[in-house]
């Protein structure tokens, strides 16, 4: 059975290691063989940590033989986005000039997964410096291909993790999301993904020096897992939640909240802001709504989510203003054409130069969060698309202004909910024309458990799409 262990979900893999059905060494070797067979065709794993993974697996097996208590993810291999440090390994951001930027320590989420027994098996690809666009293409490692259709993007910026998980090269992926970077590739690759509440998981994004980034970077970027099943997401969520001295933003909130009285209300918004939605995506939202209704949820169509366009404008103005002073230097790191996406964004939304206007935007940010909190007080969950189109062609967002605006509009619900700082779970709903479809379940702050419950109800009724082969179909 060794050559099929990579097909199993993380929960089953960990249970098998705990029960002695498989050794951690065999489990890791199964994934390394899968990577050798698949990665040359999709280019998702960038820095393979084969020997390190084997050594970690041997330590796990020795501990089990000695009767030690193993962690809940014992032996489970995971990938880590190139933004996120693994001790002793370069954190390249996909940039040639950072290829020797060796991390002194694990980032907090890597440390938490490792403490739970999971084993980092490799770094994963992303757009150069997370700024070159949505498509997973880096100056250092090249393009990552969508296994369902090589002519469509796998999404991003956590596209390498989504592809690695979808094709069975890792049971879990550790990505991050500041406006859809977990949820969009989850939808495009047919896997599940969790963007947590701001402050739910500890992180330390001071990768390039001792200073902290500005408020937008601090508040918008959240690390989170990708997996093939919602149960795997739940297990990773339980491990990743908590506090860490390196992150004063992380708060000690119970992982599971109090049950809500009666049927849980779900607000359905297939076309956020009324800017248009592809028929297949609208159908996916309806399919998910029907699944939730069948599961006993009170599902209601609502006109829209709160203040969507205002949130998008404030998001753009705050992020561009924070980023503008460093842009002349940063754009030199992005390689040929890598600066087009951000340059077009800055031309569309010039940075704010008036300090009073910056302060007003900070107030607007809080006010929009308040509006969402009031909305979620009535509807604890919101169902909508992560991306309002099927997977698009690679690099559309960097081709021209029309392509950039089209992609930005399609991920608008992700952008707004990242701005508000609330949790969301992306979950597949099936295939249309051979491509994955999916939705996201958005919830109240620190109620990831409600999002996961609803996503599980959808998965129970609609099934799991992956693992998939590197050229679509089956698991070959």
Protein backbone atom coordinates (compact mmCIF):
# COMPACT_ATOMS: atom_id res chain seq x y z
CA UNK A 1 0.00 0.00 0.00
CA UNK A 2 3.02 2.32 0.31
CA UNK A 3 2.59 3.78 -3.18
CA UNK A 4 -0.98 4.85 -2.39
CA UNK A 5 -0.44 6.60 0.95
CA UNK A 6 -0.15 9.99 -0.75
CA UNK A 7 -3.74 9.62 -1.97
CA UNK A 8 -5.16 9.58 1.54
CA UNK A 9 -6.23 12.71 3.41
CA UNK A 10 -4.05 14.13 6.17
CA UNK A 11 -6.38 12.88 8.90
CA UNK A 12 -6.06 9.30 7.61
CA UNK A 13 -2.31 9.59 7.19
CA UNK A 14 -1.81 10.81 10.76
CA UNK A 15 -4.14 8.13 12.14
CA UNK A 16 -2.18 5.45 10.28
CA UNK A 17 1.12 6.67 11.73
CA UNK A 18 -0.37 6.79 15.23
CA UNK A 19 -1.75 3.27 14.86
CA UNK A 20 1.39 1.77 13.36
CA UNK A 21 -0.30 0.98 10.04
CA UNK A 22 2.44 2.90 8.26
CA UNK A 23 5.72 4.43 9.38
CA UNK A 24 6.37 8.12 8.95
CA UNK A 25 9.34 7.16 6.80
CA UNK A 26 7.10 5.19 4.43
CA UNK A 27 4.61 8.02 4.33
CA UNK A 28 7.25 10.59 3.42
CA UNK A 29 8.78 8.28 0.82
CA UNK A 30 5.39 7.82 -0.82
CA UNK A 31 5.07 11.60 -1.21
CA UNK A 32 8.63 11.98 -2.48
CA UNK A 33 7.90 9.42 -5.15
CA UNK A 34 4.74 11.29 -6.08
CA UNK A 35 6.67 14.56 -6.30
CA UNK A 36 9.27 12.93 -8.56
CA UNK A 37 6.53 11.68 -10.86
CA UNK A 38 4.31 14.78 -10.92
CA UNK A 39 6.27 17.94 -10.15
CA UNK A 40 8.21 18.02 -13.45
CA UNK A 41 4.83 18.37 -15.18
CA UNK A 42 3.24 21.06 -12.98
CA UNK A 43 6.21 22.84 -11.28
CA UNK A 44 4.58 23.51 -7.91
CA UNK A 45 7.32 22.40 -5.49
CA UNK A 46 10.31 24.72 -5.73
CA UNK A 47 12.81 23.62 -3.07
CA UNK A 48 12.47 19.92 -2.28
CA UNK A 49 13.51 19.07 1.28
CA UNK A 50 13.84 15.33 0.75
CA UNK A 51 16.67 14.53 3.17
CA UNK A 52 15.34 16.84 5.86
CA UNK A 53 11.92 15.22 5.52
CA UNK A 54 13.40 11.74 5.75
CA UNK A 55 15.33 12.68 8.89
CA UNK A 56 12.21 14.16 10.48
CA UNK A 57 10.26 11.01 9.64
CA UNK A 58 12.92 8.82 11.22
CA UNK A 59 12.74 10.90 14.41
CA UNK A 60 8.97 10.45 14.46
CA UNK A 61 9.31 6.70 14.08
CA UNK A 62 11.89 6.51 16.86
CA UNK A 63 9.57 8.45 19.16
CA UNK A 64 6.69 6.14 18.40
CA UNK A 65 8.87 3.09 19.05
CA UNK A 66 9.87 4.61 22.38
CA UNK A 67 6.23 5.04 23.37
CA UNK A 68 6.19 8.83 23.15
CA UNK A 69 2.93 10.64 22.51
CA UNK A 70 2.86 11.88 18.94
CA UNK A 71 1.22 15.07 17.72
CA UNK A 72 -2.10 15.12 15.85
CA UNK A 73 -0.35 15.54 12.46
CA UNK A 74 2.40 12.97 13.03
CA UNK A 75 4.23 12.21 9.81
CA UNK A 76 1.99 14.29 7.55
CA UNK A 77 3.97 16.08 4.78
CA UNK A 78 3.18 19.71 4.00
CA UNK A 79 4.44 22.37 1.61
CA UNK A 80 5.26 25.95 2.59
CA UNK A 81 4.86 28.99 0.36
CA UNK A 82 8.10 30.73 -0.62
CA UNK A 83 7.09 33.72 1.53
CA UNK A 84 7.24 31.76 4.77
CA UNK A 85 10.49 30.81 6.52
CA UNK A 86 11.60 27.24 7.15
CA UNK A 87 14.69 27.14 9.36
CA UNK A 88 17.87 26.55 7.38
CA UNK A 89 16.20 26.98 3.98
CA UNK A 90 16.19 30.07 1.74
CA UNK A 91 13.00 32.16 1.80
CA UNK A 92 13.27 33.36 -1.79
CA UNK A 93 9.88 34.99 -2.53
CA UNK A 94 10.59 33.68 -6.02
CA UNK A 95 13.25 36.41 -6.46
CA UNK A 96 16.70 35.62 -7.83
CA UNK A 97 18.39 38.10 -5.50
CA UNK A 98 16.88 36.29 -2.47
CA UNK A 99 17.95 32.78 -3.45
CA UNK A 100 20.49 32.73 -0.58
CA UNK A 101 18.25 34.36 2.06
CA UNK A 102 18.46 31.43 4.50
CA UNK A 103 15.95 31.52 7.35
CA UNK A 104 17.32 31.43 10.89
CA UNK A 105 14.11 29.99 12.35
CA UNK A 106 10.74 28.56 11.38
CA UNK A 107 7.92 31.05 10.95
CA UNK A 108 5.32 30.62 13.73
CA UNK A 109 2.83 28.62 11.61
CA UNK A 110 5.60 26.32 10.37
CA UNK A 111 6.73 25.83 13.96
CA UNK A 112 3.19 25.01 15.08
CA UNK A 113 2.67 22.45 12.31
CA UNK A 114 6.06 20.91 13.01
CA UNK A 115 5.31 20.74 16.76
CA UNK A 116 2.13 18.83 15.87
CA UNK A 117 4.24 16.26 14.04
CA UNK A 118 3.81 17.46 10.45
CA UNK A 119 6.86 17.40 8.20
CA UNK A 120 7.79 20.20 5.75
CA UNK A 121 8.59 18.49 2.46
CA UNK A 122 9.28 21.52 0.28
CA UNK A 123 8.72 25.15 -0.50
CA UNK A 124 6.05 26.00 -3.08
CA UNK A 125 5.85 28.43 -5.96
CA UNK A 126 4.16 31.84 -6.02
CA UNK A 127 4.16 35.03 -8.13
CA UNK A 128 7.43 36.92 -7.81
CA UNK A 129 7.53 38.74 -4.46
CA UNK A 130 3.71 38.11 -4.28
CA UNK A 131 3.43 41.28 -6.40
CA UNK A 132 3.74 40.12 -10.00
CA UNK A 133 0.05 39.21 -10.29
CA UNK A 134 -2.45 36.48 -9.43
CA UNK A 135 -0.93 33.79 -11.65
CA UNK A 136 1.72 31.63 -9.98
CA UNK A 137 4.80 32.52 -11.98
CA UNK A 138 8.06 33.54 -10.34
CA UNK A 139 11.26 34.98 -11.74
CA UNK A 140 13.27 32.28 -9.98
CA UNK A 141 11.14 29.17 -10.60
CA UNK A 142 8.90 29.87 -13.61
CA UNK A 143 5.24 28.96 -14.16
CA UNK A 144 3.14 26.56 -12.11
CA UNK A 145 0.50 24.76 -14.19
CA UNK A 146 -3.10 24.05 -13.27
CA UNK A 147 -3.36 20.24 -13.29
CA UNK A 148 -6.94 20.36 -14.59
CA UNK A 149 -6.03 22.41 -17.66
CA UNK A 150 -2.54 23.69 -18.41
CA UNK A 151 -4.05 26.57 -20.34
CA UNK A 152 -5.70 27.97 -17.20
CA UNK A 153 -3.97 29.56 -14.23
CA UNK A 154 -3.89 27.67 -10.93
CA UNK A 155 -4.49 31.05 -9.30
CA UNK A 156 -2.40 32.59 -6.61
CA UNK A 157 -0.61 33.78 -4.84
CA UNK A 158 -0.64 30.44 -2.98
CA UNK A 159 -0.95 28.54 -6.25
CA UNK A 160 2.02 26.27 -5.65
CA UNK A 161 0.47 24.92 -2.47
CA UNK A 162 -2.92 24.44 -4.12
CA UNK A 163 -1.39 22.44 -6.98
CA UNK A 164 0.84 20.39 -4.66
CA UNK A 165 -2.15 19.44 -2.51
CA UNK A 166 -4.48 18.82 -5.48
CA UNK A 167 -2.04 16.43 -7.14
CA UNK A 168 -1.09 14.51 -3.98
CA UNK A 169 2.44 15.84 -3.61
CA UNK A 170 1.58 17.00 -0.07
CA UNK A 171 -1.37 16.40 2.22
CA UNK A 172 -1.41 20.02 3.40
CA UNK A 173 -0.16 23.35 2.09
CA UNK A 174 0.66 26.44 4.13
CA UNK A 175 -0.19 29.55 2.15
CA UNK A 176 -1.28 33.07 3.00
CA UNK A 177 -4.09 35.36 1.92
CA UNK A 178 -4.51 39.13 1.85
CA UNK A 179 -7.28 39.32 -0.74
CA UNK A 180 -7.91 35.83 -2.10
CA UNK A 181 -4.47 34.22 -2.27
CA UNK A 182 -5.68 31.00 -0.58
CA UNK A 183 -9.30 30.99 -1.69
CA UNK A 184 -8.82 31.70 -5.41
CA UNK A 185 -6.29 28.89 -6.05
CA UNK A 186 -8.46 26.59 -3.93
CA UNK A 187 -11.38 27.28 -6.28
CA UNK A 188 -9.24 26.94 -9.41
CA UNK A 189 -7.56 23.68 -8.32
CA UNK A 190 -10.48 21.94 -6.64
CA UNK A 191 -9.24 21.92 -3.04
CA UNK A 192 -10.33 23.45 0.25
CA UNK A 193 -8.69 26.46 1.90
CA UNK A 194 -9.04 28.47 5.09
CA UNK A 195 -8.41 32.18 5.48
CA UNK A 196 -8.60 32.77 9.23
CA UNK A 197 -9.69 35.82 11.19
CA UNK A 198 -6.95 38.41 11.56
CA UNK A 199 -5.23 37.47 14.84
CA UNK A 200 -6.38 33.84 14.92
CA UNK A 201 -3.03 32.34 13.82
CA UNK A 202 0.30 33.77 14.95
CA UNK A 203 2.70 34.93 12.25
CA UNK A 204 5.86 36.97 11.81
CA UNK A 205 6.19 38.65 8.44
CA UNK A 206 9.49 40.39 9.24
CA UNK A 207 11.35 38.22 6.75
CA UNK A 208 13.52 40.89 5.14
CA UNK A 209 14.68 42.71 8.29
CA UNK A 210 13.93 43.53 11.92
CA UNK A 211 11.28 46.19 11.26
CA UNK A 212 7.58 45.47 11.06
CA UNK A 213 5.67 46.42 7.90
CA UNK A 214 2.97 49.07 7.81
CA UNK A 215 -0.60 48.66 9.10
CA UNK A 216 -2.07 47.27 5.87
CA UNK A 217 0.55 44.53 5.62
CA UNK A 218 0.11 43.74 9.31
CA UNK A 219 -3.67 43.52 9.19
CA UNK A 220 -4.41 42.07 5.75
CA UNK A 221 -1.99 39.14 5.42
CA UNK A 222 -3.09 35.95 7.17
CA UNK A 223 -1.42 32.55 6.92
CA UNK A 224 -3.71 29.58 6.37
CA UNK A 225 -3.89 25.96 5.24
CA UNK A 226 -5.00 24.28 2.03
CA UNK A 227 -6.13 20.65 1.98
CA UNK A 228 -8.12 18.14 -0.02
CA UNK A 229 -10.85 17.74 2.61
CA UNK A 230 -12.56 20.01 5.11
CA UNK A 231 -11.68 17.59 7.92
CA UNK A 232 -8.01 18.13 7.09
CA UNK A 233 -8.54 21.89 7.20
CA UNK A 234 -10.17 21.54 10.60
CA UNK A 235 -7.24 19.54 11.99
CA UNK A 236 -4.75 22.11 10.66
CA UNK A 237 -6.90 24.92 12.06
CA UNK A 238 -6.85 23.39 15.54
CA UNK A 239 -3.06 23.13 15.38
CA UNK A 240 -2.40 26.60 13.96
CA UNK A 241 -4.68 28.56 16.30
CA UNK A 242 -3.14 30.19 19.37
CA UNK A 243 -0.63 32.77 20.48
CA UNK A 244 3.10 33.26 20.09
CA UNK A 245 5.45 35.84 21.64
CA UNK A 246 6.61 36.81 18.17
CA UNK A 247 3.13 38.03 17.23
CA UNK A 248 1.36 40.43 19.58
CA UNK A 249 -1.59 40.47 17.18
CA UNK A 250 -2.50 36.84 17.90
CA UNK A 251 -5.20 36.48 20.53
CA UNK A 252 -6.24 33.63 22.80
CA UNK A 253 -9.79 33.02 21.59
CA UNK A 254 -11.46 29.59 21.96
CA UNK A 255 -11.07 27.47 18.84
CA UNK A 256 -14.76 26.54 19.04
CA UNK A 257 -17.45 29.02 20.01
CA UNK A 258 -20.81 28.48 21.63
CA UNK A 259 -23.46 26.75 19.48
CA UNK A 260 -25.91 29.17 17.89
CA UNK A 261 -29.61 28.83 18.78
CA UNK A 262 -31.92 27.42 16.15
CA UNK A 263 -31.09 27.12 12.48
CA UNK A 264 -27.97 28.99 11.39
CA UNK A 265 -28.82 31.74 8.91
CA UNK A 266 -26.82 31.90 5.68
CA UNK A 267 -26.91 34.99 3.45
CA UNK A 268 -26.40 34.06 -0.22
CA UNK A 269 -24.75 36.60 -2.54
CA UNK A 270 -23.89 35.15 -5.93
CA UNK A 271 -22.98 38.49 -7.55
CA UNK A 272 -21.35 40.74 -4.94
CA UNK A 273 -21.79 44.39 -5.81
CA UNK A 274 -23.84 43.52 -8.89
CA UNK A 275 -20.77 43.66 -11.15
CA UNK A 276 -21.52 40.41 -12.94
CA UNK A 277 -20.94 36.71 -12.37
CA UNK A 278 -20.32 33.86 -14.81
CA UNK A 279 -23.28 31.44 -15.10
CA UNK A 280 -21.21 28.46 -13.97
CA UNK A 281 -20.11 30.31 -10.83
CA UNK A 282 -23.66 31.44 -10.08
CA UNK A 283 -24.75 27.82 -10.50
CA UNK A 284 -22.05 26.70 -8.05
CA UNK A 285 -23.34 29.14 -5.45
CA UNK A 286 -26.87 27.83 -5.96
CA UNK A 287 -25.69 24.24 -5.69
CA UNK A 288 -23.94 25.03 -2.41
CA UNK A 289 -27.00 26.88 -1.15
CA UNK A 290 -29.15 23.84 -1.89
CA UNK A 291 -26.68 21.62 -0.03
CA UNK A 292 -26.79 23.88 3.02
CA UNK A 293 -30.57 24.03 2.92
CA UNK A 294 -30.65 20.23 2.80
CA UNK A 295 -28.32 20.18 5.82
CA UNK A 296 -30.76 22.23 7.88
CA UNK A 297 -29.40 25.75 7.44
CA UNK A 298 -31.74 28.71 6.97
CA UNK A 299 -30.59 29.92 3.56
CA UNK A 300 -31.71 33.34 2.31
CA UNK A 301 -30.88 35.34 -0.80
CA UNK A 302 -29.87 38.89 0.17
CA UNK A 303 -29.37 41.94 -2.08
CA UNK A 304 -25.68 42.36 -1.29
CA UNK A 305 -22.96 42.39 1.34
CA UNK A 306 -22.24 45.64 3.20
CA UNK A 307 -20.44 48.52 1.47
CA UNK A 308 -18.56 46.37 -1.05
CA UNK A 309 -17.41 49.08 -3.47
CA UNK A 310 -16.44 51.40 -0.63
CA UNK A 311 -14.37 48.61 0.93
CA UNK A 312 -12.60 47.90 -2.35
CA UNK A 313 -11.73 51.56 -2.86
CA UNK A 314 -10.43 51.95 0.69
CA UNK A 315 -8.42 48.73 0.40
CA UNK A 316 -6.75 49.95 -2.80
CA UNK A 317 -6.01 53.44 -1.48
CA UNK A 318 -4.55 52.23 1.81
CA UNK A 319 -2.39 49.49 0.31
CA UNK A 320 -1.07 51.64 -2.54
CA UNK A 321 -0.28 54.50 -0.16
CA UNK A 322 1.64 52.19 2.16
CA UNK A 323 3.50 50.59 -0.72
CA UNK A 324 4.34 53.65 -2.85
CA UNK A 325 7.52 54.87 -1.06
CA UNK A 326 9.30 51.56 -1.68
CA UNK A 327 8.01 50.96 -5.19
CA UNK A 328 11.02 52.39 -7.10
CA UNK A 329 13.29 49.88 -5.36
CA UNK A 330 10.86 46.96 -5.24
CA UNK A 331 10.05 47.03 -8.94
CA UNK A 332 13.72 46.30 -9.73
CA UNK A 333 13.33 42.91 -8.01
CA UNK A 334 10.40 41.71 -10.08
CA UNK A 335 12.14 40.74 -13.31
CA UNK A 336 11.03 41.56 -16.87
CA UNK A 337 7.33 42.46 -16.92
CA UNK A 338 6.89 41.56 -13.26
CA UNK A 339 6.08 45.14 -12.33
CA UNK A 340 3.10 45.52 -14.68
CA UNK A 341 0.39 44.37 -12.26
CA UNK A 342 1.33 46.76 -9.44
CA UNK A 343 2.18 49.59 -11.82
CA UNK A 344 -1.30 49.41 -13.36
CA UNK A 345 -2.84 49.34 -9.89
CA UNK A 346 -0.91 52.46 -8.87
CA UNK A 347 -1.90 54.28 -12.05
CA UNK A 348 -5.53 53.43 -11.38
CA UNK A 349 -5.37 54.38 -7.68
CA UNK A 350 -2.64 56.93 -6.97
CA UNK A 351 -1.23 57.00 -3.42
CA UNK A 352 -2.71 59.40 -0.89
CA UNK A 353 -0.37 62.27 0.02
CA UNK A 354 -2.52 64.18 2.50
CA UNK A 355 -2.00 62.91 6.10
CA UNK A 356 -5.53 63.94 7.01
CA UNK A 357 -6.88 61.76 4.22
CA UNK A 358 -4.82 58.82 5.48
CA UNK A 359 -6.35 59.25 8.92
CA UNK A 360 -9.82 59.44 7.39
CA UNK A 361 -9.18 56.16 5.55
CA UNK A 362 -8.18 54.48 8.81
CA UNK A 363 -11.52 55.55 10.26
CA UNK A 364 -13.34 54.29 7.18
CA UNK A 365 -11.62 50.94 7.58
CA UNK A 366 -12.96 50.53 11.11
CA UNK A 367 -16.39 51.79 10.08
CA UNK A 368 -16.67 49.20 7.32
CA UNK A 369 -15.66 46.48 9.77
CA UNK A 370 -18.46 47.68 12.04
CA UNK A 371 -20.99 47.47 9.21
CA UNK A 372 -19.95 43.89 8.50
CA UNK A 373 -20.15 42.98 12.20
CA UNK A 374 -23.71 44.27 12.29
CA UNK A 375 -24.58 42.35 9.14
CA UNK A 376 -23.06 39.15 10.52
CA UNK A 377 -24.96 39.61 13.77
CA UNK A 378 -28.07 38.85 11.70
CA UNK A 379 -26.49 36.40 9.26
CA UNK A 380 -23.68 34.43 10.94
CA UNK A 381 -22.58 33.03 7.57
CA UNK A 382 -22.34 34.38 4.02
CA UNK A 383 -22.17 32.16 0.93
CA UNK A 384 -20.61 33.54 -2.25
CA UNK A 385 -17.94 33.01 -4.90
CA UNK A 386 -14.21 33.28 -4.31
CA UNK A 387 -13.79 34.30 -7.97
CA UNK A 388 -16.75 35.22 -10.16
CA UNK A 389 -15.40 33.44 -13.25
CA UNK A 390 -14.04 29.97 -14.04
CA UNK A 391 -10.22 29.75 -14.04
CA UNK A 392 -8.81 32.31 -16.47
CA UNK A 393 -5.74 32.16 -18.68
CA UNK A 394 -2.31 32.60 -17.05
CA UNK A 395 -1.19 36.20 -16.66
CA UNK A 396 -4.46 37.83 -17.69
CA UNK A 397 -4.16 40.35 -14.84
CA UNK A 398 -0.77 41.59 -16.09
CA UNK A 399 -1.57 41.69 -19.80
CA UNK A 400 -3.33 45.06 -19.92
CA UNK A 401 -5.61 47.34 -17.92
CA UNK A 402 -8.75 45.48 -18.99
CA UNK A 403 -7.31 42.15 -17.84
CA UNK A 404 -6.14 43.62 -14.57
CA UNK A 405 -9.54 45.17 -13.84
CA UNK A 406 -11.36 41.98 -14.82
CA UNK A 407 -9.35 39.86 -12.38
CA UNK A 408 -9.59 42.43 -9.58
CA UNK A 409 -13.36 42.55 -10.01
CA UNK A 410 -13.69 38.75 -10.07
CA UNK A 411 -11.97 38.38 -6.68
CA UNK A 412 -13.83 41.30 -5.11
CA UNK A 413 -15.55 39.34 -2.34
CA UNK A 414 -12.18 37.95 -1.24
CA UNK A 415 -10.66 41.42 -1.20
CA UNK A 416 -13.49 42.91 0.85
CA UNK A 417 -13.50 40.13 3.44
CA UNK A 418 -9.73 40.31 3.84
CA UNK A 419 -10.15 44.05 4.42
CA UNK A 420 -12.72 43.33 7.12
CA UNK A 421 -10.50 40.64 8.68
CA UNK A 422 -13.11 37.91 8.96
CA UNK A 423 -12.70 34.17 8.31
CA UNK A 424 -13.67 32.26 5.17
CA UNK A 425 -13.44 28.68 3.96
CA UNK A 426 -13.24 27.82 0.26
CA UNK A 427 -14.78 24.47 -0.67
CA UNK A 428 -15.30 22.74 -4.04
CA UNK A 429 -18.76 22.14 -5.46
CA UNK A 430 -17.94 19.92 -8.44
CA UNK A 431 -16.72 20.10 -12.04
CA UNK A 432 -18.09 22.05 -14.99
CA UNK A 433 -16.59 21.49 -18.44
CA UNK A 434 -13.75 19.61 -16.78
CA UNK A 435 -12.78 22.49 -14.49
CA UNK A 436 -13.30 22.75 -10.72
CA UNK A 437 -16.01 24.99 -9.31
CA UNK A 438 -16.28 26.19 -5.74
CA UNK A 439 -17.58 28.73 -3.26
CA UNK A 440 -16.53 30.38 -0.03
CA UNK A 441 -18.29 30.43 3.33
CA UNK A 442 -17.61 33.67 5.23
CA UNK A 443 -18.30 34.01 8.95
CA UNK A 444 -18.18 36.18 12.03
CA UNK A 445 -14.79 37.08 13.46
CA UNK A 446 -13.23 34.10 15.26
CA UNK A 447 -16.02 31.75 14.19
CA UNK A 448 -13.96 29.67 11.80
CA UNK A 449 -15.75 26.70 13.35
CA UNK A 450 -19.07 27.82 11.85
CA UNK A 451 -17.45 28.22 8.43
CA UNK A 452 -15.87 24.77 8.67
CA UNK A 453 -19.16 23.19 9.74
CA UNK A 454 -20.96 24.66 6.73
CA UNK A 455 -18.15 23.71 4.36
CA UNK A 456 -18.29 20.17 5.73
CA UNK A 457 -22.02 20.04 5.04
CA UNK A 458 -21.35 21.07 1.43
CA UNK A 459 -18.54 18.55 1.02
CA UNK A 460 -20.68 15.76 2.53
CA UNK A 461 -23.29 16.32 -0.16
CA UNK A 462 -21.12 17.25 -3.16
CA UNK A 463 -17.96 15.22 -2.63
CA UNK A 464 -14.20 15.72 -2.91
CA UNK A 465 -12.49 16.42 -6.25
CA UNK A 466 -8.87 15.58 -5.56
CA UNK A 467 -6.27 14.09 -5.76
CA UNK A 468 -6.03 14.57 -9.49
CA UNK A 469 -3.36 13.69 -12.02
CA UNK A 470 -0.95 16.32 -13.34
CA UNK A 471 -2.81 16.44 -16.65
CA UNK A 472 -6.35 16.27 -15.28
CA UNK A 473 -8.54 13.28 -14.54
CA UNK A 474 -7.88 10.30 -12.29
CA UNK A 475 -4.85 10.23 -10.04
CA UNK A 476 -2.21 9.15 -12.55
